[in-house]
């Protein structure tokens, strides 16, 4: 429920508690895959063009994006299997 702050026409929404379970937001995964692919293409073009700065930076960015995708999916399945072993109860 928003509260109106006196003197200012601003509405303040109180913080809500969230569930800290691990879940994969598929929009972010698809975005990271797309960005990683684009950075990979830019890295390849930097390699072909002989531009070391473009090649190295885009290659690092591409690896980071793909690492984040793999890490999120692995953590999701680890959490899911651990949750099933504990009988589906949240800790």
N, C-alpha and C. Protein backbone atom coordinates (compact mmCIF):
# COMPACT_ATOMS: atom_id res chain seq x y z
N UNK A 1 0.84 -1.17 0.00
CA UNK A 1 0.00 0.00 0.00
C UNK A 1 0.89 1.24 0.00
N UNK A 2 0.74 2.10 -0.97
CA UNK A 2 1.59 3.28 -1.04
C UNK A 2 1.24 4.31 0.02
N UNK A 3 2.28 4.98 0.49
CA UNK A 3 2.10 6.09 1.42
C UNK A 3 2.48 7.36 0.69
N UNK A 4 1.71 8.41 0.93
CA UNK A 4 2.04 9.70 0.34
C UNK A 4 2.94 10.45 1.33
N UNK A 5 4.09 10.88 0.85
CA UNK A 5 5.03 11.62 1.69
C UNK A 5 4.58 13.07 1.72
N UNK A 6 4.52 13.63 2.95
CA UNK A 6 4.02 14.99 3.13
C UNK A 6 4.94 16.01 2.46
N UNK A 7 4.34 16.97 1.83
CA UNK A 7 5.09 18.08 1.23
C UNK A 7 5.61 17.79 -0.17
N UNK A 8 5.70 16.54 -0.50
CA UNK A 8 6.20 16.17 -1.83
C UNK A 8 5.15 15.29 -2.49
N UNK A 9 4.90 15.49 -3.74
CA UNK A 9 3.94 14.66 -4.44
C UNK A 9 4.54 13.33 -4.84
N UNK A 10 5.09 12.60 -3.89
CA UNK A 10 5.82 11.36 -4.16
C UNK A 10 5.16 10.22 -3.40
N UNK A 11 5.00 9.12 -4.03
CA UNK A 11 4.44 7.95 -3.36
C UNK A 11 5.57 6.98 -3.04
N UNK A 12 5.54 6.46 -1.83
CA UNK A 12 6.57 5.53 -1.38
C UNK A 12 5.94 4.16 -1.19
N UNK A 13 6.51 3.16 -1.83
CA UNK A 13 6.03 1.79 -1.68
C UNK A 13 6.98 1.05 -0.76
N UNK A 14 6.44 0.47 0.28
CA UNK A 14 7.27 -0.25 1.24
C UNK A 14 7.90 -1.48 0.62
N UNK A 15 9.05 -1.85 1.13
CA UNK A 15 9.75 -3.03 0.63
C UNK A 15 8.95 -4.29 0.96
N UNK A 16 8.94 -5.20 0.03
CA UNK A 16 8.23 -6.45 0.24
C UNK A 16 9.24 -7.58 0.40
N UNK A 17 8.88 -8.56 1.19
CA UNK A 17 9.77 -9.70 1.35
C UNK A 17 9.70 -10.56 0.10
N UNK A 18 10.81 -11.20 -0.20
CA UNK A 18 10.86 -12.06 -1.38
C UNK A 18 11.34 -13.43 -0.97
N UNK A 19 11.04 -14.40 -1.79
CA UNK A 19 11.51 -15.76 -1.57
C UNK A 19 12.91 -15.86 -2.16
N UNK A 20 13.87 -16.31 -1.37
CA UNK A 20 15.25 -16.35 -1.81
C UNK A 20 15.62 -17.67 -2.49
N UNK A 21 14.64 -18.41 -2.96
CA UNK A 21 14.95 -19.64 -3.68
C UNK A 21 15.51 -19.29 -5.04
N UNK A 22 16.28 -20.21 -5.59
CA UNK A 22 16.90 -19.95 -6.89
C UNK A 22 15.93 -20.33 -8.00
N UNK A 23 15.66 -19.40 -8.85
CA UNK A 23 14.80 -19.66 -10.01
C UNK A 23 15.45 -19.00 -11.23
N UNK A 24 15.26 -19.61 -12.36
CA UNK A 24 15.84 -19.08 -13.59
C UNK A 24 14.81 -18.16 -14.24
N UNK A 25 15.22 -16.95 -14.49
CA UNK A 25 14.38 -16.03 -15.26
C UNK A 25 14.78 -16.20 -16.72
N UNK A 26 13.94 -16.85 -17.48
CA UNK A 26 14.30 -17.25 -18.85
C UNK A 26 14.52 -16.06 -19.76
N UNK A 27 13.92 -14.92 -19.46
CA UNK A 27 14.19 -13.72 -20.26
C UNK A 27 15.65 -13.32 -20.16
N UNK A 28 16.21 -13.37 -18.94
CA UNK A 28 17.61 -13.02 -18.74
C UNK A 28 18.53 -14.03 -19.42
N UNK A 29 18.16 -15.30 -19.37
CA UNK A 29 18.99 -16.33 -20.00
C UNK A 29 19.03 -16.11 -21.51
N UNK A 30 17.88 -15.84 -22.11
CA UNK A 30 17.84 -15.61 -23.55
C UNK A 30 18.61 -14.34 -23.91
N UNK A 31 18.47 -13.31 -23.09
CA UNK A 31 19.21 -12.07 -23.34
C UNK A 31 20.71 -12.30 -23.24
N UNK A 32 21.16 -13.05 -22.23
CA UNK A 32 22.59 -13.31 -22.07
C UNK A 32 23.12 -14.16 -23.23
N UNK A 33 22.33 -15.11 -23.71
CA UNK A 33 22.75 -15.90 -24.86
C UNK A 33 22.90 -15.00 -26.09
N UNK A 34 21.92 -14.12 -26.30
CA UNK A 34 21.96 -13.21 -27.45
C UNK A 34 23.16 -12.27 -27.37
N UNK A 35 23.40 -11.69 -26.20
CA UNK A 35 24.53 -10.77 -26.04
C UNK A 35 25.85 -11.52 -26.20
N UNK A 36 25.92 -12.73 -25.64
CA UNK A 36 27.13 -13.54 -25.79
C UNK A 36 27.39 -13.89 -27.25
N UNK A 37 26.32 -14.19 -28.00
CA UNK A 37 26.48 -14.48 -29.42
C UNK A 37 26.97 -13.25 -30.18
N UNK A 38 26.37 -12.10 -29.90
CA UNK A 38 26.81 -10.86 -30.58
C UNK A 38 28.27 -10.54 -30.26
N UNK A 39 28.64 -10.69 -28.99
CA UNK A 39 30.03 -10.43 -28.62
C UNK A 39 30.97 -11.44 -29.28
N UNK A 40 30.51 -12.67 -29.44
CA UNK A 40 31.31 -13.66 -30.14
C UNK A 40 31.53 -13.30 -31.60
N UNK A 41 30.48 -12.80 -32.24
CA UNK A 41 30.60 -12.35 -33.64
C UNK A 41 31.54 -11.16 -33.74
N UNK A 42 31.40 -10.20 -32.83
CA UNK A 42 32.30 -9.04 -32.83
C UNK A 42 33.75 -9.47 -32.58
N UNK A 43 33.92 -10.45 -31.69
CA UNK A 43 35.25 -10.96 -31.41
C UNK A 43 35.85 -11.61 -32.65
N UNK A 44 35.05 -12.38 -33.35
CA UNK A 44 35.53 -13.02 -34.58
C UNK A 44 35.92 -11.97 -35.62
N UNK A 45 35.10 -10.95 -35.75
CA UNK A 45 35.42 -9.89 -36.72
C UNK A 45 36.68 -9.12 -36.30
N UNK A 46 36.89 -8.96 -35.01
CA UNK A 46 38.12 -8.34 -34.54
C UNK A 46 39.33 -9.21 -34.84
N UNK A 47 39.16 -10.53 -34.74
CA UNK A 47 40.25 -11.46 -35.07
C UNK A 47 40.56 -11.41 -36.57
N UNK A 48 39.50 -11.45 -37.39
CA UNK A 48 39.69 -11.42 -38.84
C UNK A 48 40.30 -10.08 -39.28
N UNK A 49 39.85 -9.00 -38.66
CA UNK A 49 40.34 -7.68 -39.03
C UNK A 49 41.67 -7.33 -38.40
N UNK A 50 42.16 -8.15 -37.49
CA UNK A 50 43.43 -7.88 -36.85
C UNK A 50 43.36 -6.79 -35.80
N UNK A 51 42.19 -6.59 -35.22
CA UNK A 51 42.02 -5.57 -34.18
C UNK A 51 42.03 -6.29 -32.83
N UNK A 52 43.19 -6.30 -32.19
CA UNK A 52 43.37 -7.08 -30.97
C UNK A 52 42.47 -6.61 -29.83
N UNK A 53 42.29 -5.31 -29.71
CA UNK A 53 41.49 -4.78 -28.62
C UNK A 53 40.03 -5.24 -28.74
N UNK A 54 39.48 -5.18 -29.93
CA UNK A 54 38.11 -5.65 -30.16
C UNK A 54 38.01 -7.15 -29.92
N UNK A 55 39.00 -7.89 -30.43
CA UNK A 55 39.00 -9.34 -30.29
C UNK A 55 39.03 -9.77 -28.82
N UNK A 56 39.95 -9.24 -28.06
CA UNK A 56 40.15 -9.68 -26.67
C UNK A 56 38.97 -9.28 -25.79
N UNK A 57 38.55 -8.03 -25.87
CA UNK A 57 37.47 -7.57 -24.99
C UNK A 57 36.14 -8.26 -25.30
N UNK A 58 35.83 -8.41 -26.56
CA UNK A 58 34.57 -9.08 -26.92
C UNK A 58 34.63 -10.57 -26.60
N UNK A 59 35.80 -11.19 -26.73
CA UNK A 59 35.94 -12.60 -26.37
C UNK A 59 35.72 -12.80 -24.87
N UNK A 60 36.29 -11.93 -24.06
CA UNK A 60 36.09 -12.00 -22.60
C UNK A 60 34.62 -11.80 -22.26
N UNK A 61 34.00 -10.79 -22.86
CA UNK A 61 32.58 -10.54 -22.60
C UNK A 61 31.71 -11.70 -23.02
N UNK A 62 32.02 -12.32 -24.15
CA UNK A 62 31.26 -13.47 -24.63
C UNK A 62 31.38 -14.64 -23.66
N UNK A 63 32.61 -14.92 -23.20
CA UNK A 63 32.80 -16.01 -22.24
C UNK A 63 32.06 -15.75 -20.93
N UNK A 64 32.07 -14.51 -20.48
CA UNK A 64 31.36 -14.17 -19.24
C UNK A 64 29.86 -14.38 -19.40
N UNK A 65 29.31 -13.99 -20.53
CA UNK A 65 27.87 -14.19 -20.76
C UNK A 65 27.51 -15.66 -20.79
N UNK A 66 28.28 -16.46 -21.52
CA UNK A 66 27.98 -17.89 -21.61
C UNK A 66 28.22 -18.60 -20.27
N UNK A 67 29.22 -18.13 -19.50
CA UNK A 67 29.45 -18.68 -18.17
C UNK A 67 28.26 -18.39 -17.26
N UNK A 68 27.71 -17.18 -17.35
CA UNK A 68 26.56 -16.81 -16.52
C UNK A 68 25.34 -17.66 -16.87
N UNK A 69 25.13 -17.92 -18.15
CA UNK A 69 24.00 -18.76 -18.57
C UNK A 69 24.15 -20.17 -18.01
N UNK A 70 25.33 -20.75 -18.20
CA UNK A 70 25.57 -22.12 -17.72
C UNK A 70 25.46 -22.19 -16.21
N UNK A 71 26.01 -21.20 -15.51
CA UNK A 71 25.97 -21.19 -14.04
C UNK A 71 24.54 -21.09 -13.53
N UNK A 72 23.72 -20.23 -14.12
CA UNK A 72 22.33 -20.08 -13.69
C UNK A 72 21.55 -21.36 -13.89
N UNK A 73 21.74 -22.02 -15.02
CA UNK A 73 21.01 -23.25 -15.29
C UNK A 73 21.46 -24.37 -14.37
N UNK A 74 22.77 -24.49 -14.14
CA UNK A 74 23.28 -25.53 -13.23
C UNK A 74 22.79 -25.29 -11.81
N UNK A 75 22.84 -24.06 -11.34
CA UNK A 75 22.36 -23.77 -9.98
C UNK A 75 20.87 -24.03 -9.84
N UNK A 76 20.11 -23.76 -10.89
CA UNK A 76 18.68 -24.04 -10.86
C UNK A 76 18.42 -25.54 -10.67
N UNK A 77 19.12 -26.36 -11.45
CA UNK A 77 18.90 -27.80 -11.34
C UNK A 77 19.45 -28.37 -10.03
N UNK A 78 20.55 -27.80 -9.51
CA UNK A 78 21.06 -28.22 -8.20
C UNK A 78 20.05 -27.91 -7.11
N UNK A 79 19.51 -26.70 -7.14
CA UNK A 79 18.53 -26.32 -6.13
C UNK A 79 17.28 -27.18 -6.25
N UNK A 80 16.86 -27.43 -7.48
CA UNK A 80 15.66 -28.22 -7.70
C UNK A 80 15.83 -29.64 -7.18
N UNK A 81 16.99 -30.27 -7.44
CA UNK A 81 17.22 -31.63 -6.96
C UNK A 81 17.37 -31.66 -5.44
N UNK A 82 18.02 -30.65 -4.85
CA UNK A 82 18.16 -30.60 -3.40
C UNK A 82 16.80 -30.39 -2.74
N UNK A 83 15.95 -29.60 -3.37
CA UNK A 83 14.61 -29.34 -2.83
C UNK A 83 13.75 -30.61 -2.89
N UNK A 84 13.90 -31.39 -3.97
CA UNK A 84 13.13 -32.63 -4.08
C UNK A 84 13.61 -33.66 -3.06
N UNK A 85 14.91 -33.70 -2.78
CA UNK A 85 15.45 -34.65 -1.79
C UNK A 85 14.98 -34.31 -0.39
N UNK A 86 14.79 -33.02 -0.12
CA UNK A 86 14.36 -32.62 1.23
C UNK A 86 12.85 -32.71 1.39
N UNK A 87 12.18 -33.28 0.43
CA UNK A 87 10.74 -33.45 0.55
C UNK A 87 9.94 -32.25 0.10
N UNK A 88 10.57 -31.34 -0.64
CA UNK A 88 9.85 -30.20 -1.17
C UNK A 88 9.65 -29.08 -0.17
N UNK A 89 10.29 -29.18 1.00
CA UNK A 89 10.13 -28.12 2.00
C UNK A 89 11.19 -27.06 1.80
N UNK A 90 10.80 -25.81 2.00
CA UNK A 90 11.76 -24.72 1.90
C UNK A 90 12.50 -24.60 3.21
N UNK A 91 13.80 -24.29 3.10
CA UNK A 91 14.57 -24.14 4.34
C UNK A 91 14.67 -22.71 4.76
